[in-house]
C-alpha atoms as a PDB file:
ATOM      1  CA  MET A   1       0.019   0.021  -0.002  1.00  0.00           C
ATOM      2  CA  VAL A   2       2.835   2.450   0.894  1.00  0.00           C
ATOM      3  CA  ASP A   3       4.556   1.393  -2.321  1.00  0.00           C
ATOM      4  CA  ASP A   4       1.456   2.462  -4.363  1.00  0.00           C
ATOM      5  CA  LEU A   5       1.349   5.780  -2.632  1.00  0.00           C
ATOM      6  CA  VAL A   6       5.041   6.395  -3.272  1.00  0.00           C
ATOM      7  CA  ARG A   7       4.693   5.314  -6.974  1.00  0.00           C
ATOM      8  CA  GLN A   8       1.649   7.677  -7.348  1.00  0.00           C
ATOM      9  CA  GLU A   9       3.418  10.584  -5.885  1.00  0.00           C
ATOM     10  CA  ALA A  10       6.580  10.034  -8.024  1.00  0.00           C
ATOM     11  CA  LEU A  11       4.312   9.834 -11.144  1.00  0.00           C
ATOM     12  CA  LEU A  12       2.424  13.004 -10.159  1.00  0.00           C
ATOM     13  CA  ALA A  13       5.664  14.851  -9.579  1.00  0.00           C
ATOM     14  CA  MET A  14       6.817  14.270 -13.154  1.00  0.00           C
ATOM     15  CA  PRO A  15       6.291  17.095 -15.692  1.00  0.00           C
ATOM     16  CA  LEU A  16       3.522  16.458 -18.239  1.00  0.00           C
ATOM     17  CA  THR A  17       5.865  17.715 -21.077  1.00  0.00           C
ATOM     18  CA  PRO A  18       9.378  16.524 -20.216  1.00  0.00           C
ATOM     19  CA  GLN A  19      12.101  18.518 -21.865  1.00  0.00           C
ATOM     20  CA  CYS A  20      15.795  17.955 -22.373  1.00  0.00           C
ATOM     21  CA  ARG A  21      16.874  21.219 -20.813  1.00  0.00           C
ATOM     22  CA  GLU A  22      15.381  24.270 -19.136  1.00  0.00           C
ATOM     23  CA  ASP A  23      15.456  26.531 -22.288  1.00  0.00           C
ATOM     24  CA  CYS A  24      14.180  23.754 -24.530  1.00  0.00           C
ATOM     25  CA  ARG A  25      11.286  24.855 -26.885  1.00  0.00           C
ATOM     26  CA  GLY A  26      10.275  21.315 -27.539  1.00  0.00           C
ATOM     27  CA  LEU A  27       8.486  19.855 -30.587  1.00  0.00           C
ATOM     28  CA  CYS A  28       5.672  21.355 -32.491  1.00  0.00           C
ATOM     29  CA  PRO A  29       2.464  19.497 -31.398  1.00  0.00           C
ATOM     30  CA  GLN A  30       1.031  19.649 -34.925  1.00  0.00           C
ATOM     31  CA  CYS A  31       3.894  18.815 -37.325  1.00  0.00           C
ATOM     32  CA  GLY A  32       6.616  17.542 -34.936  1.00  0.00           C
ATOM     33  CA  GLN A  33       9.270  20.164 -36.006  1.00  0.00           C
ATOM     34  CA  ASP A  34      12.149  20.551 -33.514  1.00  0.00           C
ATOM     35  CA  LEU A  35      11.454  24.131 -32.487  1.00  0.00           C
ATOM     36  CA  ASN A  36      15.063  24.397 -31.197  1.00  0.00           C
ATOM     37  CA  ALA A  37      16.411  23.922 -34.731  1.00  0.00           C
ATOM     38  CA  GLU A  38      13.929  26.210 -36.537  1.00  0.00           C
ATOM     39  CA  SER A  39      10.343  27.507 -36.316  1.00  0.00           C
ATOM     40  CA  CYS A  40       7.528  25.909 -38.176  1.00  0.00           C
ATOM     41  CA  ALA A  41       4.635  27.506 -40.056  1.00  0.00           C
ATOM     42  CA  CYS A  42       1.931  25.968 -37.838  1.00  0.00           C
ATOM     43  CA  GLY A  43      -0.005  28.292 -35.649  1.00  0.00           C
ATOM     44  CA  PRO A  44      -1.439  27.564 -32.364  1.00  0.00           C
ATOM     45  CA  PRO A  45      -3.903  24.812 -32.436  1.00  0.00           C
ATOM     46  CA  PRO A  46      -7.504  26.038 -32.730  1.00  0.00           C
ATOM     47  CA  ASP A  47      -9.702  25.886 -29.698  1.00  0.00           C
ATOM     48  CA  PRO A  48     -11.899  22.845 -29.982  1.00  0.00           C
ATOM     49  CA  ARG A  49     -14.783  24.695 -28.453  1.00  0.00           C
ATOM     50  CA  LEU A  50     -14.852  26.924 -31.587  1.00  0.00           C
ATOM     51  CA  SER A  51     -14.757  24.034 -34.125  1.00  0.00           C
ATOM     52  CA  VAL A  52     -18.509  24.563 -35.044  1.00  0.00           C
ATOM     53  CA  LEU A  53     -17.970  28.269 -35.691  1.00  0.00           C
ATOM     54  CA  LEU A  54     -14.803  27.576 -37.757  1.00  0.00           C
ATOM     55  CA  GLU A  55     -16.587  24.988 -39.909  1.00  0.00           C
ATOM     56  CA  SER A  56     -19.535  27.376 -40.666  1.00  0.00           C
ATOM     57  CA  LEU A  57     -17.134  30.218 -41.558  1.00  0.00           C
ATOM     58  CA  GLN A  58     -15.212  27.855 -43.971  1.00  0.00           C
ATOM     59  CA  GLN A  59     -18.549  26.861 -45.739  1.00  0.00           C
ATOM     60  CA  ARG A  60     -19.293  30.516 -46.683  1.00  0.00           C
END
């Protein structure tokens, strides 16, 4: 039981997006480009709550 608690605490303490170093910019979540090497043309991902609005605007 204590082992489970320790394991859970260790897992919860881990960052959600592990990075190789403090100033690491990571990978683009859309195209996978290494953002440390160069920027990508992807913009921020659209808010999924606005997907219906975006679809209706694209149909016009």
